[in-house]
C-alpha atoms as a PDB file:
ATOM      1  CA  MET A   1      49.888-147.799 191.964  1.00  0.00           C
ATOM      2  CA  SER A   2      51.808-150.866 193.044  1.00  0.00           C
ATOM      3  CA  GLY A   3      52.945-153.685 190.758  1.00  0.00           C
ATOM      4  CA  SER A   4      51.070-156.116 193.014  1.00  0.00           C
ATOM      5  CA  TYR A   5      47.626-154.879 191.409  1.00  0.00           C
ATOM      6  CA  ASN A   6      45.772-157.938 189.985  1.00  0.00           C
ATOM      7  CA  ASN A   7      42.098-158.194 189.050  1.00  0.00           C
ATOM      8  CA  GLU A   8      40.780-159.797 192.269  1.00  0.00           C
ATOM      9  CA  CYS A   9      42.611-156.976 194.341  1.00  0.00           C
ATOM     10  CA  ILE A  10      41.221-154.018 192.217  1.00  0.00           C
ATOM     11  CA  ALA A  11      37.618-155.406 192.370  1.00  0.00           C
ATOM     12  CA  GLU A  12      37.514-156.141 195.807  1.00  0.00           C
ATOM     13  CA  ASN A  13      39.219-152.971 197.036  1.00  0.00           C
ATOM     14  CA  LEU A  14      37.425-150.874 194.532  1.00  0.00           C
ATOM     15  CA  ASP A  15      33.930-151.571 195.882  1.00  0.00           C
ATOM     16  CA  LYS A  16      35.066-150.584 199.346  1.00  0.00           C
ATOM     17  CA  THR A  17      36.803-147.587 198.144  1.00  0.00           C
ATOM     18  CA  VAL A  18      33.665-146.353 196.224  1.00  0.00           C
ATOM     19  CA  THR A  19      31.231-146.786 199.171  1.00  0.00           C
ATOM     20  CA  ASN A  20      33.930-145.085 201.627  1.00  0.00           C
ATOM     21  CA  VAL A  21      33.868-142.168 198.954  1.00  0.00           C
ATOM     22  CA  VAL A  22      30.067-141.900 198.899  1.00  0.00           C
ATOM     23  CA  LYS A  23      29.900-141.758 202.718  1.00  0.00           C
ATOM     24  CA  LEU A  24      32.570-139.033 202.793  1.00  0.00           C
ATOM     25  CA  LEU A  25      30.867-137.120 200.351  1.00  0.00           C
ATOM     26  CA  GLU A  26      27.457-137.304 202.161  1.00  0.00           C
ATOM     27  CA  GLN A  27      29.212-136.360 205.391  1.00  0.00           C
ATOM     28  CA  ASN A  28      30.465-133.305 203.830  1.00  0.00           C
ATOM     29  CA  GLY A  29      27.298-132.401 202.018  1.00  0.00           C
ATOM     30  CA  TRP A  30      29.494-132.573 198.926  1.00  0.00           C
ATOM     31  CA  THR A  31      28.523-133.828 195.325  1.00  0.00           C
ATOM     32  CA  ILE A  32      30.507-135.515 192.750  1.00  0.00           C
ATOM     33  CA  SER A  33      30.339-135.412 188.972  1.00  0.00           C
ATOM     34  CA  THR A  34      32.483-137.419 186.468  1.00  0.00           C
ATOM     35  CA  ALA A  35      33.903-136.887 182.829  1.00  0.00           C
ATOM     36  CA  GLU A  36      35.012-140.125 181.333  1.00  0.00           C
ATOM     37  CA  SER A  37      36.492-141.093 177.897  1.00  0.00           C
ATOM     38  CA  CYS A  38      38.547-144.504 178.171  1.00  0.00           C
ATOM     39  CA  THR A  39      36.468-145.685 181.420  1.00  0.00           C
ATOM     40  CA  GLY A  40      33.128-145.185 179.245  1.00  0.00           C
ATOM     41  CA  GLY A  41      31.096-144.378 182.254  1.00  0.00           C
ATOM     42  CA  LEU A  42      32.477-146.890 184.856  1.00  0.00           C
ATOM     43  CA  LEU A  43      33.032-144.330 187.365  1.00  0.00           C
ATOM     44  CA  SER A  44      29.322-143.282 187.115  1.00  0.00           C
ATOM     45  CA  GLU A  45      28.340-146.877 187.437  1.00  0.00           C
ATOM     46  CA  LEU A  46      30.510-147.513 190.442  1.00  0.00           C
ATOM     47  CA  ILE A  47      29.116-144.582 192.178  1.00  0.00           C
ATOM     48  CA  THR A  48      25.526-145.287 191.497  1.00  0.00           C
ATOM     49  CA  SER A  49      25.969-149.014 192.766  1.00  0.00           C
ATOM     50  CA  VAL A  50      26.256-147.585 196.222  1.00  0.00           C
ATOM     51  CA  SER A  51      23.297-147.019 198.290  1.00  0.00           C
ATOM     52  CA  GLY A  52      22.830-143.383 199.007  1.00  0.00           C
ATOM     53  CA  ALA A  53      24.578-142.252 195.877  1.00  0.00           C
ATOM     54  CA  SER A  54      21.347-140.155 194.801  1.00  0.00           C
ATOM     55  CA  GLN A  55      22.531-137.814 197.806  1.00  0.00           C
ATOM     56  CA  VAL A  56      25.973-137.133 196.202  1.00  0.00           C
ATOM     57  CA  PHE A  57      25.963-137.909 192.420  1.00  0.00           C
ATOM     58  CA  GLU A  58      25.239-134.769 190.162  1.00  0.00           C
ATOM     59  CA  LEU A  59      26.389-135.817 186.667  1.00  0.00           C
ATOM     60  CA  GLY A  60      28.332-138.211 184.634  1.00  0.00           C
ATOM     61  CA  ILE A  61      29.340-137.320 181.060  1.00  0.00           C
ATOM     62  CA  CYS A  62      30.707-139.997 178.773  1.00  0.00           C
ATOM     63  CA  SER A  63      32.685-137.735 176.457  1.00  0.00           C
ATOM     64  CA  TYR A  64      34.462-140.465 174.316  1.00  0.00           C
ATOM     65  CA  SER A  65      34.894-138.180 171.052  1.00  0.00           C
ATOM     66  CA  GLU A  66      36.806-135.058 170.713  1.00  0.00           C
ATOM     67  CA  ARG A  67      33.464-133.295 169.357  1.00  0.00           C
ATOM     68  CA  ILE A  68      31.686-134.140 172.751  1.00  0.00           C
ATOM     69  CA  LYS A  69      34.901-133.192 174.880  1.00  0.00           C
ATOM     70  CA  ASN A  70      34.715-129.865 172.843  1.00  0.00           C
ATOM     71  CA  GLU A  71      30.795-129.139 172.877  1.00  0.00           C
ATOM     72  CA  MET A  72      29.855-130.355 176.030  1.00  0.00           C
ATOM     73  CA  LEU A  73      32.898-129.868 178.088  1.00  0.00           C
ATOM     74  CA  GLY A  74      34.447-126.900 176.522  1.00  0.00           C
ATOM     75  CA  VAL A  75      37.807-128.410 175.649  1.00  0.00           C
ATOM     76  CA  PRO A  76      39.093-126.126 172.921  1.00  0.00           C
ATOM     77  CA  LEU A  77      39.851-128.216 169.780  1.00  0.00           C
ATOM     78  CA  GLU A  78      43.173-126.364 169.608  1.00  0.00           C
ATOM     79  CA  VAL A  79      44.361-127.929 173.062  1.00  0.00           C
ATOM     80  CA  ILE A  80      43.236-131.268 171.625  1.00  0.00           C
ATOM     81  CA  ALA A  81      45.160-130.638 168.531  1.00  0.00           C
ATOM     82  CA  GLU A  82      48.372-129.387 170.012  1.00  0.00           C
ATOM     83  CA  HIS A  83      48.437-131.790 172.966  1.00  0.00           C
ATOM     84  CA  GLY A  84      46.245-134.798 171.945  1.00  0.00           C
ATOM     85  CA  VAL A  85      43.435-136.080 173.397  1.00  0.00           C
ATOM     86  CA  VAL A  86      45.190-138.249 175.805  1.00  0.00           C
ATOM     87  CA  SER A  87      47.078-135.498 177.763  1.00  0.00           C
ATOM     88  CA  GLU A  88      47.059-133.633 180.920  1.00  0.00           C
ATOM     89  CA  GLN A  89      45.721-130.358 179.323  1.00  0.00           C
ATOM     90  CA  VAL A  90      42.840-132.298 177.914  1.00  0.00           C
ATOM     91  CA  ALA A  91      42.151-134.051 181.300  1.00  0.00           C
ATOM     92  CA  LEU A  92      42.210-130.422 182.988  1.00  0.00           C
ATOM     93  CA  GLY A  93      39.975-129.087 180.220  1.00  0.00           C
ATOM     94  CA  MET A  94      37.395-131.760 180.886  1.00  0.00           C
ATOM     95  CA  ILE A  95      37.607-130.993 184.513  1.00  0.00           C
ATOM     96  CA  ASN A  96      36.999-127.133 183.946  1.00  0.00           C
ATOM     97  CA  GLY A  97      33.954-128.053 181.769  1.00  0.00           C
ATOM     98  CA  LEU A  98      32.574-130.508 184.126  1.00  0.00           C
ATOM     99  CA  LYS A  99      32.873-127.931 187.015  1.00  0.00           C
ATOM    100  CA  LYS A 100      31.018-125.366 185.182  1.00  0.00           C
ATOM    101  CA  ARG A 101      28.325-127.862 184.096  1.00  0.00           C
ATOM    102  CA  SER A 102      27.759-129.576 187.374  1.00  0.00           C
ATOM    103  CA  GLY A 103      28.977-127.141 190.055  1.00  0.00           C
ATOM    104  CA  ALA A 104      30.030-130.490 192.065  1.00  0.00           C
ATOM    105  CA  GLU A 105      32.630-130.089 194.780  1.00  0.00           C
ATOM    106  CA  VAL A 106      34.259-133.010 193.460  1.00  0.00           C
ATOM    107  CA  CYS A 107      35.164-133.524 189.796  1.00  0.00           C
ATOM    108  CA  VAL A 108      37.005-136.264 188.196  1.00  0.00           C
ATOM    109  CA  SER A 109      37.984-136.828 184.423  1.00  0.00           C
ATOM    110  CA  VAL A 110      39.630-139.778 182.698  1.00  0.00           C
ATOM    111  CA  THR A 111      41.196-139.694 179.281  1.00  0.00           C
ATOM    112  CA  GLY A 112      43.564-142.292 178.073  1.00  0.00           C
ATOM    113  CA  ILE A 113      44.310-145.557 176.152  1.00  0.00           C
ATOM    114  CA  ALA A 114      42.735-148.674 177.317  1.00  0.00           C
ATOM    115  CA  GLY A 115      44.057-150.812 174.505  1.00  0.00           C
ATOM    116  CA  PRO A 116      44.415-153.441 173.196  1.00  0.00           C
ATOM    117  CA  SER A 117      45.315-151.161 170.293  1.00  0.00           C
ATOM    118  CA  GLY A 118      46.018-147.368 170.058  1.00  0.00           C
ATOM    119  CA  GLY A 119      49.317-147.339 172.034  1.00  0.00           C
ATOM    120  CA  THR A 120      52.474-145.969 170.859  1.00  0.00           C
ATOM    121  CA  PRO A 121      56.012-146.237 172.103  1.00  0.00           C
ATOM    122  CA  GLU A 122      55.621-142.579 173.477  1.00  0.00           C
ATOM    123  CA  GLN A 123      51.873-143.452 174.896  1.00  0.00           C
ATOM    124  CA  PRO A 124      51.772-147.056 175.519  1.00  0.00           C
ATOM    125  CA  VAL A 125      48.377-148.678 176.305  1.00  0.00           C
ATOM    126  CA  GLY A 126      47.620-147.881 179.965  1.00  0.00           C
ATOM    127  CA  THR A 127      48.776-144.164 179.337  1.00  0.00           C
ATOM    128  CA  VAL A 128      45.633-142.520 181.369  1.00  0.00           C
ATOM    129  CA  TYR A 129      45.256-139.075 182.728  1.00  0.00           C
ATOM    130  CA  ILE A 130      43.031-138.529 185.449  1.00  0.00           C
ATOM    131  CA  GLY A 131      42.125-134.908 186.352  1.00  0.00           C
ATOM    132  CA  PHE A 132      40.678-133.908 189.678  1.00  0.00           C
ATOM    133  CA  ASP A 133      39.044-130.856 191.170  1.00  0.00           C
ATOM    134  CA  ILE A 134      38.297-131.400 194.847  1.00  0.00           C
ATOM    135  CA  ASN A 135      36.769-128.292 196.008  1.00  0.00           C
ATOM    136  CA  GLY A 136      38.749-126.105 194.156  1.00  0.00           C
ATOM    137  CA  LYS A 137      42.099-127.891 194.241  1.00  0.00           C
ATOM    138  CA  GLN A 138      42.906-129.066 190.875  1.00  0.00           C
ATOM    139  CA  PHE A 139      45.600-131.525 189.814  1.00  0.00           C
ATOM    140  CA  VAL A 140      46.180-134.273 187.181  1.00  0.00           C
ATOM    141  CA  ARG A 141      47.750-137.496 187.976  1.00  0.00           C
ATOM    142  CA  LEU A 142      49.415-140.208 185.354  1.00  0.00           C
ATOM    143  CA  PRO A 143      49.216-143.489 187.159  1.00  0.00           C
ATOM    144  CA  LYS A 144      51.789-145.762 185.541  1.00  0.00           C
ATOM    145  CA  LEU A 145      49.126-148.370 184.307  1.00  0.00           C
ATOM    146  CA  TRP A 146      51.228-149.442 181.468  1.00  0.00           C
ATOM    147  CA  LYS A 147      53.559-151.099 184.055  1.00  0.00           C
ATOM    148  CA  LEU A 148      50.690-153.585 185.301  1.00  0.00           C
ATOM    149  CA  PRO A 149      51.150-157.405 184.626  1.00  0.00           C
ATOM    150  CA  ASP A 150      47.743-157.409 183.061  1.00  0.00           C
ATOM    151  CA  THR A 151      47.120-154.456 180.527  1.00  0.00           C
ATOM    152  CA  SER A 152      44.140-155.811 178.936  1.00  0.00           C
ATOM    153  CA  ARG A 153      41.403-153.177 178.151  1.00  0.00           C
ATOM    154  CA  GLU A 154      39.211-154.435 181.101  1.00  0.00           C
ATOM    155  CA  ASN A 155      41.918-154.264 183.789  1.00  0.00           C
ATOM    156  CA  ILE A 156      43.306-150.895 182.363  1.00  0.00           C
ATOM    157  CA  ARG A 157      39.685-149.478 182.867  1.00  0.00           C
ATOM    158  CA  ARG A 158      39.298-150.616 186.202  1.00  0.00           C
ATOM    159  CA  ALA A 159      42.860-149.954 187.491  1.00  0.00           C
ATOM    160  CA  ALA A 160      42.162-146.305 186.339  1.00  0.00           C
ATOM    161  CA  ALA A 161      38.712-146.425 188.315  1.00  0.00           C
ATOM    162  CA  ALA A 162      40.544-147.742 191.507  1.00  0.00           C
ATOM    163  CA  TYR A 163      43.339-145.076 191.217  1.00  0.00           C
ATOM    164  CA  ALA A 164      40.644-142.248 190.671  1.00  0.00           C
ATOM    165  CA  PHE A 165      38.729-143.305 193.904  1.00  0.00           C
ATOM    166  CA  GLU A 166      41.738-144.001 195.867  1.00  0.00           C
ATOM    167  CA  THR A 167      43.024-140.576 195.103  1.00  0.00           C
ATOM    168  CA  ILE A 168      39.462-139.180 195.900  1.00  0.00           C
ATOM    169  CA  GLU A 169      39.296-141.179 199.206  1.00  0.00           C
ATOM    170  CA  LYS A 170      42.678-139.843 200.335  1.00  0.00           C
ATOM    171  CA  GLU A 171      41.753-136.195 199.460  1.00  0.00           C
ATOM    172  CA  LEU A 172      38.620-136.121 201.101  1.00  0.00           C
ATOM    173  CA  THR A 173      39.902-137.985 204.122  1.00  0.00           C
ATOM    174  CA  GLU A 174      42.540-135.012 204.331  1.00  0.00           C
ATOM    175  CA  ALA A 175      39.921-132.246 203.771  1.00  0.00           C
ATOM    176  CA  ILE A 176      37.673-133.574 206.655  1.00  0.00           C
ATOM    177  CA  ALA A 177      40.684-133.949 208.784  1.00  0.00           C
ATOM    178  CA  GLU A 178      41.603-130.236 208.156  1.00  0.00           C
ATOM    179  CA  ASP A 179      38.048-129.006 208.987  1.00  0.00           C
ATOM    180  CA  GLU A 180      38.094-130.752 212.343  1.00  0.00           C
END
């Protein structure tokens, strides 16, 4: 994530990237599902704003509370207690639960601190873990959103969404290239 990210750049590129992701999913015959905490349904909203999304969008869960992460996504309360709700382990747990519930080929989870409050020296505002399961390949990323010049709540949420969709676009493009 470059330091040159600004609100206009994110908004302009985000719409284009999401449209590309929906097209790539359609071409592959794949589906996508989301489990979101700090982005509060933004990923789902962005996907469904694209014409043709009904062909690829399976499920969006806004799992803001620990209880819902546990009950709906099966994230063990012990994992939340041990690692904290904003952690790689919780992002992975959200992905695993989402994969079981939706069966989508592409699953993405987001858990983090969008601010303006809630940050600590160890986990500043902008600490956002993004989990991915792309056709069985699982990984979690921690973009350095706390380094953005604008760490407003809106910008952190949109930057997290942009990072998620850019990563999905890159992975889908590589997966399609390997299949050809």
